[in-house]
Amino acid sequence: MTEASDRDAVIAALDSVVDPKSGRGLMAAGLVRGLVVGDGKAGFALEIAAADAAVYAPVRDAVEAALLAVPGIQRAHVVLTAEQTPSRPARGAGLSRAALDQGRPPAPVATDRPADVRRVIAVASGKGGVGKTSIACATAITLARQGRTALLVSTDPASNVGQVFGVSIGNQITAIPAVPGLAALEIDPQAAAAVYRERIVGPVRGVLPDSVV
């Protein structure tokens, strides 16, 4: 099959899975975002409301099964993205926020952050299979859609970030064609450790005894 026919077959498979909210196929319902098809892989983000996450979990499983049934597709990955509009708190009788704050001590202001630090990087981890990759990819896609430049980095020796987006990434920063503003990097921790070790040990090799090095 050609790449175009592969994509047509994938789209048909997506529309064979019914959206439980609208009763239409997923493509027709407009829930499919960032569809990538190629090299025997298919992946996309299923855009839903945050409150519907539990409803669409079985749909994700069904659509992955439908994709794997398409001839030529060996790998399928679907990410649930939940975009939620913050609700406005109900108004009622009571003191204003300014009046309430008058009796409170001022909040402490951080003073130990260096002046030249402009960005903060949040790092989190968890056991295998809990959804780290899915959450990281969904977060990166959301940030990119907000107009920000996002770099998704994985140090997992068995990273499948490339499978999610249907592109080969590896140990280099790679732009994700389906998501403008998003790039990804899969660091090989063993190779990175070897490079670091050589950078430290290399200059003293031949100077100090081999037993010490």
N, C-alpha and C. Protein backbone atom coordinates (compact mmCIF):
# COMPACT_ATOMS: atom_id res chain seq x y z
N MET A 1 0.84 -1.20 0.00
CA MET A 1 0.00 0.00 0.00
C MET A 1 0.88 1.25 0.00
N THR A 2 0.42 2.30 -0.68
CA THR A 2 1.14 3.57 -0.66
C THR A 2 0.82 4.31 0.62
N GLU A 3 1.62 5.37 0.88
CA GLU A 3 1.38 6.15 2.09
C GLU A 3 -0.01 6.78 2.07
N ALA A 4 -0.44 7.25 0.88
CA ALA A 4 -1.77 7.86 0.77
C ALA A 4 -2.87 6.84 1.05
N SER A 5 -2.71 5.62 0.50
CA SER A 5 -3.74 4.60 0.73
C SER A 5 -3.72 4.15 2.18
N ASP A 6 -2.51 4.11 2.79
CA ASP A 6 -2.43 3.79 4.22
C ASP A 6 -3.23 4.80 5.03
N ARG A 7 -3.05 6.08 4.70
CA ARG A 7 -3.76 7.12 5.45
C ARG A 7 -5.27 7.02 5.26
N ASP A 8 -5.69 6.74 4.03
CA ASP A 8 -7.13 6.59 3.77
C ASP A 8 -7.70 5.42 4.57
N ALA A 9 -6.93 4.32 4.62
CA ALA A 9 -7.41 3.15 5.37
C ALA A 9 -7.47 3.45 6.86
N VAL A 10 -6.50 4.21 7.36
CA VAL A 10 -6.51 4.59 8.78
C VAL A 10 -7.69 5.49 9.09
N ILE A 11 -7.97 6.46 8.20
CA ILE A 11 -9.10 7.37 8.41
C ILE A 11 -10.41 6.58 8.43
N ALA A 12 -10.52 5.61 7.52
CA ALA A 12 -11.73 4.78 7.49
C ALA A 12 -11.87 3.99 8.80
N ALA A 13 -10.73 3.50 9.31
CA ALA A 13 -10.77 2.76 10.58
C ALA A 13 -11.19 3.66 11.73
N LEU A 14 -10.72 4.91 11.71
CA LEU A 14 -11.09 5.85 12.77
C LEU A 14 -12.58 6.15 12.73
N ASP A 15 -13.12 6.27 11.54
CA ASP A 15 -14.55 6.56 11.43
C ASP A 15 -15.41 5.34 11.72
N SER A 16 -14.79 4.16 11.79
CA SER A 16 -15.56 2.97 12.15
C SER A 16 -15.81 2.88 13.65
N VAL A 17 -15.05 3.67 14.42
CA VAL A 17 -15.24 3.72 15.87
C VAL A 17 -16.16 4.89 16.18
N VAL A 18 -17.25 4.63 16.88
CA VAL A 18 -18.29 5.63 17.10
C VAL A 18 -18.00 6.47 18.35
N ASP A 19 -18.10 7.78 18.18
CA ASP A 19 -17.98 8.71 19.30
C ASP A 19 -19.21 8.56 20.20
N PRO A 20 -19.04 8.20 21.46
CA PRO A 20 -20.19 7.97 22.33
C PRO A 20 -21.01 9.22 22.61
N LYS A 21 -20.46 10.39 22.36
CA LYS A 21 -21.20 11.63 22.64
C LYS A 21 -22.06 12.06 21.46
N SER A 22 -21.47 11.99 20.24
CA SER A 22 -22.20 12.49 19.07
C SER A 22 -22.83 11.38 18.24
N GLY A 23 -22.36 10.14 18.42
CA GLY A 23 -22.88 9.04 17.62
C GLY A 23 -22.26 8.97 16.24
N ARG A 24 -21.27 9.82 15.96
CA ARG A 24 -20.60 9.80 14.66
C ARG A 24 -19.23 9.15 14.78
N GLY A 25 -18.59 8.87 13.63
CA GLY A 25 -17.23 8.36 13.65
C GLY A 25 -16.29 9.40 14.24
N LEU A 26 -15.14 8.96 14.72
CA LEU A 26 -14.23 9.87 15.39
C LEU A 26 -13.74 10.99 14.48
N MET A 27 -13.45 10.67 13.22
CA MET A 27 -13.02 11.71 12.28
C MET A 27 -14.15 12.69 12.01
N ALA A 28 -15.34 12.16 11.76
CA ALA A 28 -16.48 13.01 11.46
C ALA A 28 -16.84 13.89 12.66
N ALA A 29 -16.59 13.37 13.85
CA ALA A 29 -16.90 14.14 15.07
C ALA A 29 -15.86 15.21 15.36
N GLY A 30 -14.75 15.21 14.60
CA GLY A 30 -13.72 16.24 14.78
C GLY A 30 -12.87 16.05 16.03
N LEU A 31 -12.74 14.80 16.50
CA LEU A 31 -11.98 14.56 17.73
C LEU A 31 -10.52 14.19 17.47
N VAL A 32 -10.18 13.89 16.23
CA VAL A 32 -8.83 13.44 15.91
C VAL A 32 -7.92 14.64 15.63
N ARG A 33 -6.80 14.71 16.34
CA ARG A 33 -5.84 15.80 16.16
C ARG A 33 -4.44 15.23 15.94
N GLY A 34 -3.72 15.82 14.99
CA GLY A 34 -2.32 15.45 14.77
C GLY A 34 -2.12 14.03 14.27
N LEU A 35 -2.97 13.58 13.35
CA LEU A 35 -2.86 12.21 12.84
C LEU A 35 -1.55 12.04 12.06
N VAL A 36 -0.78 11.02 12.44
CA VAL A 36 0.47 10.70 11.76
C VAL A 36 0.42 9.24 11.32
N VAL A 37 0.68 9.01 10.04
CA VAL A 37 0.67 7.66 9.48
C VAL A 37 1.95 7.47 8.67
N GLY A 38 2.67 6.39 8.92
CA GLY A 38 3.87 6.11 8.15
C GLY A 38 4.74 5.07 8.81
N ASP A 39 5.53 4.37 7.99
CA ASP A 39 6.47 3.36 8.50
C ASP A 39 5.78 2.31 9.37
N GLY A 40 4.57 1.94 8.99
CA GLY A 40 3.87 0.91 9.75
C GLY A 40 3.31 1.37 11.07
N LYS A 41 3.26 2.69 11.28
CA LYS A 41 2.78 3.23 12.55
C LYS A 41 1.64 4.22 12.30
N ALA A 42 0.78 4.34 13.30
CA ALA A 42 -0.30 5.33 13.24
C ALA A 42 -0.51 5.86 14.66
N GLY A 43 -0.67 7.17 14.76
CA GLY A 43 -0.90 7.76 16.07
C GLY A 43 -1.57 9.11 15.95
N PHE A 44 -2.25 9.51 17.00
CA PHE A 44 -2.90 10.81 17.01
C PHE A 44 -3.34 11.13 18.43
N ALA A 45 -3.81 12.35 18.62
CA ALA A 45 -4.36 12.77 19.91
C ALA A 45 -5.88 12.82 19.78
N LEU A 46 -6.57 12.26 20.75
CA LEU A 46 -8.03 12.26 20.79
C LEU A 46 -8.46 13.38 21.73
N GLU A 47 -8.96 14.46 21.18
CA GLU A 47 -9.25 15.65 21.96
C GLU A 47 -10.65 15.58 22.56
N ILE A 48 -10.70 15.59 23.89
CA ILE A 48 -11.97 15.47 24.61
C ILE A 48 -12.00 16.45 25.76
N ALA A 49 -13.17 16.59 26.37
CA ALA A 49 -13.29 17.40 27.58
C ALA A 49 -12.73 16.62 28.76
N ALA A 50 -12.19 17.35 29.73
CA ALA A 50 -11.57 16.70 30.88
C ALA A 50 -12.56 15.80 31.62
N ALA A 51 -13.82 16.23 31.70
CA ALA A 51 -14.82 15.45 32.43
C ALA A 51 -15.16 14.13 31.73
N ASP A 52 -14.78 14.00 30.44
CA ASP A 52 -15.14 12.80 29.68
C ASP A 52 -14.00 11.80 29.59
N ALA A 53 -12.93 12.01 30.35
CA ALA A 53 -11.76 11.13 30.24
C ALA A 53 -12.12 9.67 30.48
N ALA A 54 -12.92 9.40 31.50
CA ALA A 54 -13.28 8.01 31.81
C ALA A 54 -14.17 7.41 30.71
N VAL A 55 -15.00 8.24 30.10
CA VAL A 55 -15.90 7.76 29.04
C VAL A 55 -15.10 7.32 27.81
N TYR A 56 -14.02 8.07 27.53
CA TYR A 56 -13.29 7.82 26.29
C TYR A 56 -12.12 6.85 26.44
N ALA A 57 -11.83 6.41 27.68
CA ALA A 57 -10.76 5.43 27.85
C ALA A 57 -11.03 4.15 27.04
N PRO A 58 -12.27 3.58 27.10
CA PRO A 58 -12.55 2.40 26.27
C PRO A 58 -12.51 2.71 24.77
N VAL A 59 -12.86 3.95 24.41
CA VAL A 59 -12.82 4.34 23.00
C VAL A 59 -11.39 4.32 22.50
N ARG A 60 -10.45 4.79 23.35
CA ARG A 60 -9.04 4.76 22.96
C ARG A 60 -8.59 3.32 22.69
N ASP A 61 -8.99 2.39 23.57
CA ASP A 61 -8.61 1.00 23.37
C ASP A 61 -9.21 0.44 22.08
N ALA A 62 -10.47 0.82 21.82
CA ALA A 62 -11.15 0.31 20.62
C ALA A 62 -10.51 0.85 19.35
N VAL A 63 -10.12 2.12 19.38
CA VAL A 63 -9.56 2.72 18.16
C VAL A 63 -8.14 2.19 17.91
N GLU A 64 -7.38 1.92 18.98
CA GLU A 64 -6.06 1.32 18.77
C GLU A 64 -6.20 -0.07 18.15
N ALA A 65 -7.19 -0.84 18.62
CA ALA A 65 -7.43 -2.16 18.04
C ALA A 65 -7.84 -2.04 16.58
N ALA A 66 -8.67 -1.03 16.25
CA ALA A 66 -9.11 -0.83 14.86
C ALA A 66 -7.92 -0.45 13.98
N LEU A 67 -7.01 0.35 14.50
CA LEU A 67 -5.84 0.74 13.72
C LEU A 67 -4.92 -0.44 13.45
N LEU A 68 -4.75 -1.29 14.47
CA LEU A 68 -3.88 -2.46 14.29
C LEU A 68 -4.48 -3.47 13.32
N ALA A 69 -5.78 -3.38 13.07
CA ALA A 69 -6.42 -4.27 12.11
C ALA A 69 -6.23 -3.79 10.67
N VAL A 70 -5.72 -2.56 10.49
CA VAL A 70 -5.49 -2.03 9.15
C VAL A 70 -4.23 -2.69 8.57
N PRO A 71 -4.29 -3.25 7.38
CA PRO A 71 -3.11 -3.89 6.77
C PRO A 71 -1.94 -2.90 6.71
N GLY A 72 -0.78 -3.35 7.16
CA GLY A 72 0.41 -2.52 7.11
C GLY A 72 0.68 -1.74 8.37
N ILE A 73 -0.27 -1.67 9.28
CA ILE A 73 -0.07 -0.95 10.55
C ILE A 73 0.30 -1.95 11.63
N GLN A 74 1.54 -1.83 12.12
CA GLN A 74 2.01 -2.73 13.18
C GLN A 74 1.96 -2.09 14.56
N ARG A 75 1.98 -0.76 14.60
CA ARG A 75 1.98 -0.07 15.89
C ARG A 75 0.95 1.07 15.85
N ALA A 76 0.22 1.20 16.94
CA ALA A 76 -0.78 2.27 17.03
C ALA A 76 -0.73 2.86 18.43
N HIS A 77 -0.84 4.18 18.50
CA HIS A 77 -0.81 4.84 19.81
C HIS A 77 -1.76 6.04 19.78
N VAL A 78 -2.63 6.10 20.75
CA VAL A 78 -3.62 7.18 20.85
C VAL A 78 -3.45 7.86 22.20
N VAL A 79 -3.33 9.18 22.17
CA VAL A 79 -3.19 9.97 23.40
C VAL A 79 -4.48 10.73 23.64
N LEU A 80 -5.02 10.61 24.86
CA LEU A 80 -6.21 11.39 25.23
C LEU A 80 -5.75 12.76 25.71
N THR A 81 -6.26 13.82 25.09
CA THR A 81 -5.96 15.18 25.56
C THR A 81 -7.25 15.79 26.08
N ALA A 82 -7.19 16.38 27.25
CA ALA A 82 -8.37 16.98 27.88
C ALA A 82 -8.12 18.46 28.08
N GLU A 83 -8.84 19.28 27.33
CA GLU A 83 -8.73 20.71 27.47
C GLU A 83 -9.94 21.21 28.25
N GLN A 84 -9.69 21.92 29.31
CA GLN A 84 -10.77 22.34 30.20
C GLN A 84 -10.73 23.85 30.39
N THR A 85 -11.87 24.48 30.24
CA THR A 85 -11.98 25.90 30.49
C THR A 85 -12.29 26.13 31.95
N PRO A 86 -11.44 26.89 32.65
CA PRO A 86 -11.68 27.10 34.08
C PRO A 86 -13.07 27.68 34.32
N SER A 87 -13.77 27.10 35.29
CA SER A 87 -15.11 27.59 35.60
C SER A 87 -15.01 28.81 36.51
N ARG A 88 -15.96 29.72 36.35
CA ARG A 88 -15.99 30.93 37.17
C ARG A 88 -16.69 30.61 38.49
N PRO A 89 -16.07 30.91 39.61
CA PRO A 89 -16.71 30.60 40.90
C PRO A 89 -18.01 31.37 41.07
N ALA A 90 -18.96 30.70 41.72
CA ALA A 90 -20.26 31.34 41.95
C ALA A 90 -20.10 32.52 42.90
N ARG A 91 -20.79 33.58 42.61
CA ARG A 91 -20.73 34.77 43.44
C ARG A 91 -21.82 34.73 44.50
N GLY A 92 -21.48 35.19 45.67
CA GLY A 92 -22.46 35.24 46.74
C GLY A 92 -22.13 36.37 47.69
N ALA A 93 -22.92 36.50 48.72
CA ALA A 93 -22.69 37.55 49.68
C ALA A 93 -21.43 37.25 50.49
N GLY A 94 -20.70 38.30 50.85
CA GLY A 94 -19.49 38.11 51.63
C GLY A 94 -18.51 39.25 51.38
N LEU A 95 -17.42 39.21 52.11
CA LEU A 95 -16.41 40.24 51.97
C LEU A 95 -15.64 40.04 50.66
N SER A 96 -15.14 41.14 50.15
CA SER A 96 -14.33 41.06 48.95
C SER A 96 -12.98 40.43 49.28
N ARG A 97 -12.26 39.98 48.22
CA ARG A 97 -10.94 39.40 48.44
C ARG A 97 -10.00 40.41 49.07
N ALA A 98 -10.10 41.68 48.65
CA ALA A 98 -9.22 42.71 49.21
C ALA A 98 -9.48 42.88 50.70
N ALA A 99 -10.76 42.82 51.10
CA ALA A 99 -11.09 42.99 52.52
C ALA A 99 -10.58 41.80 53.33
N LEU A 100 -10.70 40.58 52.74
CA LEU A 100 -10.22 39.40 53.45
C LEU A 100 -8.69 39.42 53.59
N ASP A 101 -8.02 39.93 52.56
CA ASP A 101 -6.57 39.93 52.59
C ASP A 101 -5.98 40.94 53.56
N GLN A 102 -6.79 41.92 53.99
CA GLN A 102 -6.26 42.95 54.89
C GLN A 102 -5.79 42.35 56.21
N GLY A 103 -6.46 41.29 56.67
CA GLY A 103 -6.10 40.71 57.96
C GLY A 103 -5.08 39.58 57.86
N ARG A 104 -4.56 39.34 56.66
CA ARG A 104 -3.62 38.25 56.48
C ARG A 104 -2.20 38.79 56.32
N PRO A 105 -1.21 38.07 56.82
CA PRO A 105 0.17 38.51 56.60
C PRO A 105 0.51 38.37 55.12
N PRO A 106 1.37 39.21 54.60
CA PRO A 106 1.72 39.12 53.18
C PRO A 106 2.40 37.80 52.87
N ALA A 107 2.14 37.28 51.70
CA ALA A 107 2.76 36.03 51.28
C ALA A 107 4.25 36.23 51.13
N PRO A 108 5.03 35.22 51.51
CA PRO A 108 6.49 35.36 51.37
C PRO A 108 6.88 35.43 49.90
N VAL A 109 7.89 36.22 49.62
CA VAL A 109 8.39 36.38 48.26
C VAL A 109 9.73 35.67 48.18
N ALA A 110 9.85 34.77 47.21
CA ALA A 110 11.11 34.03 47.06
C ALA A 110 12.24 34.99 46.70
N THR A 111 13.34 34.87 47.42
CA THR A 111 14.49 35.75 47.16
C THR A 111 15.74 34.97 46.81
N ASP A 112 15.66 33.63 46.85
CA ASP A 112 16.86 32.83 46.62
C ASP A 112 17.00 32.36 45.18
N ARG A 113 16.13 32.83 44.28
CA ARG A 113 16.24 32.45 42.88
C ARG A 113 17.19 33.40 42.18
N PRO A 114 18.24 32.89 41.55
CA PRO A 114 19.20 33.76 40.87
C PRO A 114 18.53 34.64 39.83
N ALA A 115 19.02 35.84 39.70
CA ALA A 115 18.39 36.79 38.79
C ALA A 115 18.47 36.35 37.34
N ASP A 116 19.51 35.53 37.00
CA ASP A 116 19.67 35.13 35.61
C ASP A 116 18.88 33.87 35.25
N VAL A 117 18.13 33.31 36.22
CA VAL A 117 17.31 32.13 35.94
C VAL A 117 15.98 32.59 35.36
N ARG A 118 15.74 32.24 34.11
CA ARG A 118 14.52 32.66 33.43
C ARG A 118 13.50 31.55 33.28
N ARG A 119 13.95 30.31 33.34
CA ARG A 119 13.04 29.17 33.13
C ARG A 119 13.21 28.15 34.24
N VAL A 120 12.12 27.51 34.58
CA VAL A 120 12.13 26.43 35.57
C VAL A 120 11.69 25.16 34.87
N ILE A 121 12.45 24.09 35.04
CA ILE A 121 12.13 22.80 34.43
C ILE A 121 11.60 21.86 35.50
N ALA A 122 10.38 21.38 35.30
CA ALA A 122 9.77 20.44 36.24
C ALA A 122 10.06 19.01 35.78
N VAL A 123 10.55 18.18 36.69
CA VAL A 123 10.89 16.79 36.37
C VAL A 123 10.09 15.87 37.29
N ALA A 124 9.44 14.87 36.71
CA ALA A 124 8.67 13.92 37.51
C ALA A 124 8.94 12.52 36.98
N SER A 125 8.71 11.51 37.83
CA SER A 125 8.92 10.14 37.41
C SER A 125 7.84 9.25 38.03
N GLY A 126 7.81 8.01 37.62
CA GLY A 126 6.82 7.07 38.15
C GLY A 126 7.11 5.68 37.61
N LYS A 127 6.44 4.67 38.16
CA LYS A 127 6.68 3.29 37.73
C LYS A 127 6.18 3.07 36.31
N GLY A 128 6.64 2.02 35.69
CA GLY A 128 6.26 1.72 34.32
C GLY A 128 4.77 1.46 34.15
N GLY A 129 4.22 1.97 33.06
CA GLY A 129 2.83 1.68 32.72
C GLY A 129 1.80 2.58 33.36
N VAL A 130 2.23 3.64 34.08
CA VAL A 130 1.25 4.50 34.75
C VAL A 130 0.78 5.65 33.86
N GLY A 131 1.39 5.80 32.67
CA GLY A 131 0.94 6.84 31.75
C GLY A 131 1.85 8.05 31.66
N LYS A 132 3.12 7.89 32.04
CA LYS A 132 4.05 9.04 32.00
C LYS A 132 4.18 9.58 30.58
N THR A 133 4.37 8.69 29.61
CA THR A 133 4.55 9.12 28.23
C THR A 133 3.29 9.80 27.70
N SER A 134 2.13 9.21 27.98
CA SER A 134 0.87 9.78 27.50
C SER A 134 0.65 11.18 28.06
N ILE A 135 0.89 11.35 29.36
CA ILE A 135 0.69 12.66 29.99
C ILE A 135 1.71 13.66 29.46
N ALA A 136 2.97 13.22 29.32
CA ALA A 136 4.01 14.13 28.83
C ALA A 136 3.71 14.59 27.40
N CYS A 137 3.29 13.66 26.55
CA CYS A 137 2.97 14.01 25.15
C CYS A 137 1.76 14.94 25.09
N ALA A 138 0.73 14.63 25.87
CA ALA A 138 -0.47 15.48 25.87
C ALA A 138 -0.14 16.88 26.37
N THR A 139 0.70 16.98 27.41
CA THR A 139 1.10 18.29 27.94
C THR A 139 1.90 19.07 26.90
N ALA A 140 2.83 18.39 26.23
CA ALA A 140 3.64 19.05 25.21
C ALA A 140 2.79 19.55 24.05
N ILE A 141 1.82 18.74 23.62
CA ILE A 141 0.93 19.14 22.53
C ILE A 141 0.12 20.37 22.94
N THR A 142 -0.40 20.36 24.16
CA THR A 142 -1.20 21.49 24.65
C THR A 142 -0.37 22.77 24.69
N LEU A 143 0.86 22.69 25.20
CA LEU A 143 1.72 23.87 25.27
C LEU A 143 2.02 24.40 23.87
N ALA A 144 2.31 23.50 22.92
CA ALA A 144 2.59 23.92 21.55
C ALA A 144 1.38 24.59 20.92
N ARG A 145 0.18 24.08 21.21
CA ARG A 145 -1.04 24.68 20.64
C ARG A 145 -1.33 26.05 21.26
N GLN A 146 -0.76 26.30 22.43
CA GLN A 146 -0.92 27.61 23.05
C GLN A 146 0.08 28.63 22.50
N GLY A 147 0.86 28.21 21.51
CA GLY A 147 1.81 29.11 20.89
C GLY A 147 3.19 29.08 21.52
N ARG A 148 3.42 28.15 22.44
CA ARG A 148 4.72 28.07 23.09
C ARG A 148 5.61 27.07 22.36
N THR A 149 6.91 27.24 22.54
CA THR A 149 7.86 26.29 21.98
C THR A 149 8.16 25.24 23.03
N ALA A 150 7.91 23.98 22.71
CA ALA A 150 8.05 22.90 23.70
C ALA A 150 9.06 21.87 23.21
N LEU A 151 9.88 21.40 24.14
CA LEU A 151 10.82 20.31 23.86
C LEU A 151 10.51 19.17 24.82
N LEU A 152 10.14 18.04 24.27
CA LEU A 152 9.79 16.86 25.06
C LEU A 152 11.02 15.94 25.11
N VAL A 153 11.54 15.69 26.31
CA VAL A 153 12.77 14.91 26.47
C VAL A 153 12.47 13.63 27.24
N SER A 154 12.96 12.51 26.71
CA SER A 154 12.81 11.22 27.39
C SER A 154 14.19 10.61 27.62
N THR A 155 14.41 10.06 28.83
CA THR A 155 15.64 9.33 29.12
C THR A 155 15.35 7.85 29.35
N ASP A 156 14.18 7.43 28.95
CA ASP A 156 13.79 6.03 29.09
C ASP A 156 14.57 5.19 28.07
N PRO A 157 15.31 4.15 28.50
CA PRO A 157 16.03 3.31 27.54
C PRO A 157 15.12 2.67 26.51
N ALA A 158 13.84 2.48 26.87
CA ALA A 158 12.86 1.91 25.93
C ALA A 158 11.82 2.96 25.57
N SER A 159 12.27 4.17 25.32
CA SER A 159 11.34 5.27 25.04
C SER A 159 10.47 4.98 23.82
N ASN A 160 9.18 5.34 23.92
CA ASN A 160 8.27 5.18 22.78
C ASN A 160 7.65 6.50 22.38
N VAL A 161 8.34 7.61 22.69
CA VAL A 161 7.84 8.93 22.27
C VAL A 161 7.75 8.97 20.74
N GLY A 162 8.74 8.40 20.08
CA GLY A 162 8.71 8.37 18.62
C GLY A 162 7.50 7.62 18.09
N GLN A 163 7.10 6.55 18.79
CA GLN A 163 5.92 5.80 18.36
C GLN A 163 4.66 6.66 18.47
N VAL A 164 4.58 7.46 19.52
CA VAL A 164 3.40 8.30 19.73
C VAL A 164 3.18 9.22 18.53
N PHE A 165 4.26 9.84 18.08
CA PHE A 165 4.15 10.83 17.01
C PHE A 165 4.43 10.26 15.63
N GLY A 166 4.79 8.97 15.58
CA GLY A 166 5.02 8.35 14.29
C GLY A 166 6.25 8.83 13.56
N VAL A 167 7.27 9.27 14.30
CA VAL A 167 8.51 9.74 13.68
C VAL A 167 9.69 9.09 14.40
N SER A 168 10.81 9.01 13.71
CA SER A 168 12.04 8.51 14.31
C SER A 168 12.75 9.67 14.98
N ILE A 169 13.01 9.55 16.29
CA ILE A 169 13.59 10.67 17.05
C ILE A 169 15.04 10.37 17.40
N GLY A 170 15.28 9.50 18.37
CA GLY A 170 16.64 9.17 18.74
C GLY A 170 17.30 10.27 19.54
N ASN A 171 18.65 10.20 19.59
CA ASN A 171 19.43 11.09 20.45
C ASN A 171 19.75 12.41 19.75
N GLN A 172 18.73 13.05 19.21
CA GLN A 172 18.88 14.37 18.61
C GLN A 172 17.54 15.09 18.65
N ILE A 173 17.59 16.41 18.77
CA ILE A 173 16.35 17.18 18.82
C ILE A 173 15.67 17.11 17.45
N THR A 174 14.45 16.59 17.45
CA THR A 174 13.72 16.35 16.21
C THR A 174 12.37 17.06 16.24
N ALA A 175 12.09 17.88 15.24
CA ALA A 175 10.81 18.57 15.15
C ALA A 175 9.70 17.56 14.88
N ILE A 176 8.53 17.77 15.49
CA ILE A 176 7.37 16.91 15.26
C ILE A 176 6.51 17.58 14.18
N PRO A 177 6.51 17.04 12.97
CA PRO A 177 5.81 17.71 11.86
C PRO A 177 4.33 17.97 12.12
N ALA A 178 3.66 17.06 12.82
CA ALA A 178 2.22 17.19 13.03
C ALA A 178 1.86 18.23 14.08
N VAL A 179 2.84 18.67 14.86
CA VAL A 179 2.57 19.64 15.94
C VAL A 179 3.57 20.79 15.85
N PRO A 180 3.25 21.86 15.14
CA PRO A 180 4.17 23.01 15.03
C PRO A 180 4.55 23.54 16.41
N GLY A 181 5.83 23.82 16.59
CA GLY A 181 6.31 24.34 17.86
C GLY A 181 6.77 23.27 18.83
N LEU A 182 6.61 22.00 18.46
CA LEU A 182 6.99 20.90 19.35
C LEU A 182 8.15 20.12 18.75
N ALA A 183 9.15 19.84 19.59
CA ALA A 183 10.26 18.97 19.21
C ALA A 183 10.48 17.96 20.33
N ALA A 184 11.17 16.88 20.01
CA ALA A 184 11.38 15.82 21.00
C ALA A 184 12.81 15.32 20.93
N LEU A 185 13.25 14.73 22.03
CA LEU A 185 14.61 14.20 22.14
C LEU A 185 14.57 12.94 23.00
N GLU A 186 15.11 11.84 22.49
CA GLU A 186 15.20 10.60 23.25
C GLU A 186 16.67 10.36 23.61
N ILE A 187 17.04 10.66 24.85
CA ILE A 187 18.42 10.51 25.29
C ILE A 187 18.69 9.07 25.69
N ASP A 188 19.77 8.51 25.17
CA ASP A 188 20.20 7.17 25.58
C ASP A 188 21.02 7.34 26.87
N PRO A 189 20.47 6.95 28.03
CA PRO A 189 21.18 7.22 29.29
C PRO A 189 22.53 6.54 29.38
N GLN A 190 22.66 5.33 28.82
CA GLN A 190 23.95 4.63 28.88
C GLN A 190 24.99 5.33 28.02
N ALA A 191 24.58 5.75 26.82
CA ALA A 191 25.52 6.46 25.95
C ALA A 191 25.91 7.80 26.57
N ALA A 192 24.92 8.50 27.16
CA ALA A 192 25.21 9.79 27.78
C ALA A 192 26.16 9.63 28.95
N ALA A 193 25.98 8.56 29.74
CA ALA A 193 26.87 8.31 30.87
C ALA A 193 28.28 7.99 30.39
N ALA A 194 28.38 7.25 29.29
CA ALA A 194 29.70 6.90 28.75
C ALA A 194 30.43 8.14 28.26
N VAL A 195 29.69 9.05 27.60
CA VAL A 195 30.30 10.30 27.12
C VAL A 195 30.77 11.14 28.28
N TYR A 196 29.95 11.23 29.34
CA TYR A 196 30.32 12.02 30.51
C TYR A 196 31.54 11.42 31.20
N ARG A 197 31.55 10.08 31.31
CA ARG A 197 32.67 9.41 31.95
C ARG A 197 33.97 9.67 31.20
N GLU A 198 33.90 9.61 29.86
CA GLU A 198 35.09 9.84 29.05
C GLU A 198 35.56 11.29 29.15
N ARG A 199 34.62 12.22 29.27
CA ARG A 199 34.99 13.62 29.39
C ARG A 199 35.75 13.88 30.69
N ILE A 200 35.41 13.13 31.75
CA ILE A 200 36.08 13.31 33.04
C ILE A 200 37.38 12.53 33.10
N VAL A 201 37.33 11.28 32.60
CA VAL A 201 38.49 10.39 32.74
C VAL A 201 39.51 10.60 31.62
N GLY A 202 39.03 10.98 30.44
CA GLY A 202 39.92 11.11 29.28
C GLY A 202 41.18 11.93 29.52
N PRO A 203 41.04 13.13 30.10
CA PRO A 203 42.23 13.98 30.27
C PRO A 203 43.31 13.37 31.17
N VAL A 204 42.94 12.44 32.07
CA VAL A 204 43.95 11.87 32.98
C VAL A 204 44.38 10.47 32.56
N ARG A 205 43.78 9.95 31.48
CA ARG A 205 44.20 8.64 31.00
C ARG A 205 45.61 8.76 30.41
N GLY A 206 46.49 7.92 30.85
CA GLY A 206 47.88 8.00 30.43
C GLY A 206 48.73 8.81 31.39
N VAL A 207 48.07 9.60 32.22
CA VAL A 207 48.79 10.38 33.24
C VAL A 207 48.80 9.62 34.55
N LEU A 208 47.63 9.10 34.92
CA LEU A 208 47.50 8.30 36.13
C LEU A 208 47.56 6.81 35.77
N PRO A 209 47.91 5.96 36.71
CA PRO A 209 47.93 4.52 36.43
C PRO A 209 46.55 4.01 36.01
N ASP A 210 46.55 2.99 35.16
CA ASP A 210 45.28 2.44 34.69
C ASP A 210 44.42 1.94 35.85
N SER A 211 45.05 1.43 36.88
CA SER A 211 44.30 0.91 38.02
C SER A 211 43.54 2.01 38.74
N VAL A 212 44.05 3.23 38.68
CA VAL A 212 43.39 4.37 39.31
C VAL A 212 42.26 4.89 38.43
N VAL A 213 42.54 4.96 37.13
CA VAL A 213 41.56 5.46 36.18
C VAL A 213 40.39 4.50 36.08
